[in-house]
């Protein structure tokens, strides 16, 4: 019973993330609801249950790292950070506005960039395909320094068209980076349509296994499956881990779900109350 209640609380927070994200996107009149919603459970499970991190001390030496390589999911990422306690959730409504810290793509936070980014962001994203390489570098540096930090990298399936993803995957396997966990948000939609029509990725699991990664495949909207996969990943030795999270683009809002047109389209502000009611129900 206690375990079920824990998952209910986790799901409640993830619902809150979606509600803040859609408000920010509607206020901005632009943004990416589809990617934010497909990745909500992935980011929520990491920040609210799995990762070691401290919103009051974002630069804590023993923290785990999260690299959001599919950086266009910024509204959902910002909302996750806000619900986790890194900054006030109301600030989400300044998304993409002049003078806001919440730009269209996240900017890495540092003492020199305090006025340009929010705490907790480890990676300045935008160009697709780069984040996994950054994750490999951080994981290798942590191991060389004798640290126990774990590095989590979320990549997109459209992003996997980029050759750099596969170069990074070879490097991770070569260096046996068992402190690196990648999560593929497998929503099967990219900017111009369905991934399998544009550049087929299947058989996805076989490809990552061929690159010498330990692969787990889960329903990316089932937090209990994600929790189990992250726990299993922590036991793997001498291999990086790929978690293929099968998701639905725009999950949570019926007319957005599995629709390529909602990759980067904002709902109108007048429809926001209706969308919030649907998400809350």
Protein backbone atom coordinates (compact mmCIF):
# COMPACT_ATOMS: atom_id res chain seq x y z
CA UNK A 1 0.00 0.00 0.00
CA UNK A 2 2.82 2.40 0.89
CA UNK A 3 4.48 1.68 -2.45
CA UNK A 4 1.28 2.48 -4.32
CA UNK A 5 0.93 5.76 -2.45
CA UNK A 6 4.51 6.63 -3.37
CA UNK A 7 3.72 6.16 -7.04
CA UNK A 8 0.53 8.20 -6.68
CA UNK A 9 2.52 11.11 -5.24
CA UNK A 10 5.04 10.80 -8.07
CA UNK A 11 2.26 10.82 -10.65
CA UNK A 12 0.68 13.85 -8.96
CA UNK A 13 3.92 15.78 -9.32
CA UNK A 14 4.26 14.76 -12.96
CA UNK A 15 0.71 15.94 -13.62
CA UNK A 16 1.69 19.26 -12.02
CA UNK A 17 4.69 19.44 -14.37
CA UNK A 18 2.43 19.05 -17.40
CA UNK A 19 0.03 21.70 -16.11
CA UNK A 20 2.78 24.28 -15.60
CA UNK A 21 4.37 23.45 -18.96
CA UNK A 22 1.17 23.99 -20.93
CA UNK A 23 0.59 27.32 -19.18
CA UNK A 24 4.08 28.48 -20.08
CA UNK A 25 3.74 27.42 -23.71
CA UNK A 26 0.33 29.09 -24.06
CA UNK A 27 1.61 32.32 -22.47
CA UNK A 28 4.61 32.34 -24.81
CA UNK A 29 2.60 31.47 -27.89
CA UNK A 30 5.36 29.04 -28.84
CA UNK A 31 7.14 26.00 -27.52
CA UNK A 32 7.10 22.22 -27.71
CA UNK A 33 4.23 20.53 -25.86
CA UNK A 34 4.60 17.19 -27.63
CA UNK A 35 8.18 16.54 -26.53
CA UNK A 36 7.57 17.96 -23.06
CA UNK A 37 4.65 15.63 -22.47
CA UNK A 38 6.22 12.47 -23.88
CA UNK A 39 9.22 12.95 -21.58
CA UNK A 40 7.31 14.01 -18.43
CA UNK A 41 7.49 10.63 -16.67
CA UNK A 42 11.16 10.17 -17.60
CA UNK A 43 12.25 13.50 -16.14
CA UNK A 44 9.82 13.30 -13.22
CA UNK A 45 10.98 9.84 -12.14
CA UNK A 46 14.60 10.99 -12.24
CA UNK A 47 14.16 14.28 -10.39
CA UNK A 48 11.48 13.26 -7.90
CA UNK A 49 12.71 9.74 -7.09
CA UNK A 50 15.98 8.58 -8.61
CA UNK A 51 18.69 11.20 -8.89
CA UNK A 52 20.85 12.54 -6.10
CA UNK A 53 20.52 16.32 -6.31
CA UNK A 54 19.91 19.31 -4.08
CA UNK A 55 17.86 22.29 -5.33
CA UNK A 56 19.39 24.42 -2.55
CA UNK A 57 22.90 23.49 -3.68
CA UNK A 58 22.80 22.87 -7.47
CA UNK A 59 26.60 22.60 -7.71
CA UNK A 60 26.86 19.90 -5.02
CA UNK A 61 29.93 17.81 -5.89
CA UNK A 62 28.15 14.49 -5.26
CA UNK A 63 25.10 15.24 -7.39
CA UNK A 64 23.98 13.11 -10.31
CA UNK A 65 23.91 14.86 -13.68
CA UNK A 66 20.96 15.17 -16.06
CA UNK A 67 21.74 16.15 -19.65
CA UNK A 68 18.65 17.04 -21.68
CA UNK A 69 19.99 16.43 -25.16
CA UNK A 70 16.53 16.79 -26.75
CA UNK A 71 16.53 20.37 -25.51
CA UNK A 72 13.36 21.44 -27.32
CA UNK A 73 11.49 19.74 -24.47
CA UNK A 74 12.54 22.81 -22.45
CA UNK A 75 9.04 23.70 -21.14
CA UNK A 76 8.68 20.29 -19.51
CA UNK A 77 12.26 20.40 -18.27
CA UNK A 78 11.80 23.85 -16.72
CA UNK A 79 8.56 22.72 -15.11
CA UNK A 80 10.24 19.64 -13.66
CA UNK A 81 13.00 21.78 -12.16
CA UNK A 82 10.42 24.19 -10.74
CA UNK A 83 8.30 21.46 -9.13
CA UNK A 84 11.52 19.94 -7.77
CA UNK A 85 12.24 23.24 -6.00
CA UNK A 86 14.90 24.93 -8.14
CA UNK A 87 12.82 28.06 -8.78
CA UNK A 88 9.21 29.28 -8.29
CA UNK A 89 6.77 27.52 -10.67
CA UNK A 90 5.00 30.81 -11.47
CA UNK A 91 8.12 31.85 -13.38
CA UNK A 92 7.14 29.29 -16.05
CA UNK A 93 4.70 31.91 -17.37
CA UNK A 94 7.67 34.04 -18.49
CA UNK A 95 8.78 31.33 -20.94
CA UNK A 96 10.47 32.80 -24.05
CA UNK A 97 9.61 36.36 -23.07
CA UNK A 98 12.08 39.24 -23.31
CA UNK A 99 14.31 39.28 -20.24
CA UNK A 100 13.19 35.84 -19.03
CA UNK A 101 15.68 33.25 -17.79
CA UNK A 102 13.54 30.60 -19.50
CA UNK A 103 14.74 30.70 -23.07
CA UNK A 104 13.48 28.50 -25.88
CA UNK A 105 16.31 26.09 -25.20
CA UNK A 106 17.96 25.69 -21.78
CA UNK A 107 21.20 27.50 -20.97
CA UNK A 108 23.71 25.97 -18.56
CA UNK A 109 23.66 27.60 -15.14
CA UNK A 110 26.85 28.99 -13.64
CA UNK A 111 27.84 31.77 -11.26
CA UNK A 112 28.59 33.91 -14.31
CA UNK A 113 25.20 33.21 -15.92
CA UNK A 114 22.90 33.70 -12.94
CA UNK A 115 20.73 36.20 -14.78
CA UNK A 116 20.52 34.10 -17.95
CA UNK A 117 19.61 30.67 -16.65
CA UNK A 118 17.89 28.90 -13.78
CA UNK A 119 19.75 26.69 -11.27
CA UNK A 120 20.08 23.00 -12.04
CA UNK A 121 20.73 23.15 -15.79
CA UNK A 122 23.94 21.31 -16.68
CA UNK A 123 23.94 21.65 -20.46
CA UNK A 124 23.14 24.36 -23.02
CA UNK A 125 21.05 22.52 -25.58
CA UNK A 126 19.66 23.34 -29.00
CA UNK A 127 21.68 21.60 -31.70
CA UNK A 128 20.55 17.99 -31.85
CA UNK A 129 22.88 15.07 -31.21
CA UNK A 130 25.42 16.68 -28.90
CA UNK A 131 24.15 15.84 -25.41
CA UNK A 132 25.25 12.20 -25.36
CA UNK A 133 28.83 13.27 -26.12
CA UNK A 134 28.65 15.72 -23.20
CA UNK A 135 27.35 12.92 -20.98
CA UNK A 136 30.22 10.66 -22.04
CA UNK A 137 32.70 13.40 -21.12
CA UNK A 138 31.18 14.00 -17.69
CA UNK A 139 30.95 10.26 -16.94
CA UNK A 140 34.58 9.68 -17.96
CA UNK A 141 35.78 12.70 -15.96
CA UNK A 142 33.86 11.55 -12.88
CA UNK A 143 35.44 8.11 -13.08
CA UNK A 144 38.93 9.55 -13.54
CA UNK A 145 38.35 11.75 -10.48
CA UNK A 146 37.20 8.75 -8.43
CA UNK A 147 33.68 10.17 -7.98
CA UNK A 148 30.47 8.16 -7.77
CA UNK A 149 28.25 10.60 -9.69
CA UNK A 150 25.90 9.01 -12.18
CA UNK A 151 25.12 10.70 -15.48
CA UNK A 152 21.68 10.50 -17.10
CA UNK A 153 21.21 11.66 -20.70
CA UNK A 154 17.82 11.93 -22.38
CA UNK A 155 17.90 11.77 -26.17
CA UNK A 156 15.19 11.86 -28.81
CA UNK A 157 14.49 9.34 -31.52
CA UNK A 158 14.46 12.01 -34.25
CA UNK A 159 17.73 13.24 -32.76
CA UNK A 160 19.13 9.76 -33.35
CA UNK A 161 19.39 10.66 -37.06
CA UNK A 162 22.55 12.51 -36.02
CA UNK A 163 25.78 10.58 -36.52
CA UNK A 164 27.27 12.07 -33.38
CA UNK A 165 24.86 10.01 -31.28
CA UNK A 166 26.44 6.84 -32.61
CA UNK A 167 30.00 8.14 -32.29
CA UNK A 168 29.28 8.89 -28.63
CA UNK A 169 27.72 5.47 -28.15
CA UNK A 170 30.91 3.81 -29.41
CA UNK A 171 33.06 5.91 -27.07
CA UNK A 172 30.86 5.08 -24.07
CA UNK A 173 31.18 1.36 -24.78
CA UNK A 174 34.93 1.59 -25.39
CA UNK A 175 35.50 3.23 -22.00
CA UNK A 176 33.01 0.89 -20.27
CA UNK A 177 31.11 3.79 -18.72
CA UNK A 178 28.81 1.99 -16.33
CA UNK A 179 28.07 5.32 -14.61
CA UNK A 180 26.27 6.51 -17.76
CA UNK A 181 22.56 5.89 -18.41
CA UNK A 182 20.92 7.13 -21.59
CA UNK A 183 17.15 7.26 -21.96
CA UNK A 184 15.62 7.29 -25.43
CA UNK A 185 12.28 9.11 -25.51
CA UNK A 186 10.84 6.83 -28.20
CA UNK A 187 7.71 8.76 -29.16
CA UNK A 188 8.22 7.95 -32.86
CA UNK A 189 7.59 11.53 -34.03
CA UNK A 190 10.07 14.20 -35.06
CA UNK A 191 9.63 17.69 -36.45
CA UNK A 192 8.51 16.70 -39.94
CA UNK A 193 6.51 13.56 -39.22
CA UNK A 194 6.82 10.00 -38.00
CA UNK A 195 10.37 8.75 -37.48
CA UNK A 196 9.83 5.51 -39.32
CA UNK A 197 8.75 7.42 -42.44
CA UNK A 198 11.66 9.88 -42.33
CA UNK A 199 14.61 7.76 -41.16
CA UNK A 200 13.64 4.40 -39.63
CA UNK A 201 15.25 3.68 -36.28
CA UNK A 202 13.94 0.15 -35.70
CA UNK A 203 15.14 -2.34 -34.67
CA UNK A 204 16.23 0.16 -32.02
CA UNK A 205 17.04 -2.32 -29.25
CA UNK A 206 19.20 -4.46 -31.54
CA UNK A 207 21.20 -1.44 -32.67
CA UNK A 208 22.11 -0.31 -29.16
CA UNK A 209 22.96 -3.87 -28.16
CA UNK A 210 25.21 -4.12 -31.21
CA UNK A 211 27.04 -1.03 -29.95
CA UNK A 212 27.71 -3.00 -26.74
CA UNK A 213 25.24 -1.25 -24.45
CA UNK A 214 23.05 -2.97 -21.88
CA UNK A 215 19.50 -2.26 -23.07
CA UNK A 216 16.23 -2.21 -21.14
CA UNK A 217 12.91 -1.43 -22.79
CA UNK A 218 9.95 -0.01 -20.88
CA UNK A 219 6.65 1.81 -21.19
CA UNK A 220 7.89 5.37 -20.70
CA UNK A 221 4.63 6.49 -19.09
CA UNK A 222 4.68 3.77 -16.40
CA UNK A 223 6.71 5.20 -13.54
CA UNK A 224 7.02 1.80 -11.86
CA UNK A 225 8.69 0.41 -14.99
CA UNK A 226 11.03 3.39 -15.18
CA UNK A 227 11.93 3.03 -11.50
CA UNK A 228 12.70 -0.65 -12.01
CA UNK A 229 14.85 0.06 -15.08
CA UNK A 230 16.88 2.72 -13.26
CA UNK A 231 17.41 0.33 -10.35
CA UNK A 232 18.58 -2.42 -12.70
CA UNK A 233 20.86 0.04 -14.52
CA UNK A 234 22.69 0.77 -11.27
CA UNK A 235 23.72 -2.89 -11.03
CA UNK A 236 25.30 -3.13 -14.49
CA UNK A 237 29.09 -3.24 -14.57
CA UNK A 238 31.51 -2.36 -17.41
CA UNK A 239 28.78 -1.23 -19.82
CA UNK A 240 26.76 1.92 -20.39
CA UNK A 241 22.99 1.46 -20.16
CA UNK A 242 20.31 2.48 -22.65
CA UNK A 243 16.69 2.59 -21.49
CA UNK A 244 14.31 2.66 -24.45
CA UNK A 245 11.22 4.40 -23.10
CA UNK A 246 8.28 3.86 -25.45
CA UNK A 247 6.17 7.00 -25.15
CA UNK A 248 3.38 8.96 -26.83
CA UNK A 249 4.06 12.43 -28.15
CA UNK A 250 1.74 14.90 -26.40
CA UNK A 251 0.64 12.30 -23.85
CA UNK A 252 -1.92 13.70 -21.40
CA UNK A 253 -3.98 15.80 -23.83
CA UNK A 254 -6.15 13.73 -26.12
CA UNK A 255 -6.03 15.87 -29.28
CA UNK A 256 -2.24 16.35 -28.98
CA UNK A 257 -1.41 12.69 -28.45
CA UNK A 258 0.54 11.01 -31.27
CA UNK A 259 0.09 14.01 -33.58
CA UNK A 260 3.12 15.43 -35.45
CA UNK A 261 1.47 18.85 -35.69
CA UNK A 262 1.91 19.33 -31.92
CA UNK A 263 5.68 18.87 -32.07
CA UNK A 264 6.25 22.62 -31.75
CA UNK A 265 2.82 24.24 -31.72
CA UNK A 266 1.34 26.24 -28.85
CA UNK A 267 -2.33 26.11 -27.85
CA UNK A 268 -4.15 29.42 -27.58
CA UNK A 269 -4.37 31.06 -24.18
CA UNK A 270 -8.16 30.91 -24.28
CA UNK A 271 -8.03 27.11 -24.42
CA UNK A 272 -5.67 26.81 -21.44
CA UNK A 273 -8.40 26.33 -18.81
CA UNK A 274 -9.89 23.45 -20.80
CA UNK A 275 -6.48 21.80 -21.19
CA UNK A 276 -5.74 22.21 -17.48
CA UNK A 277 -9.07 20.62 -16.65
CA UNK A 278 -8.28 17.66 -18.91
CA UNK A 279 -4.82 17.22 -17.39
CA UNK A 280 -6.18 17.41 -13.86
CA UNK A 281 -8.85 14.81 -14.56
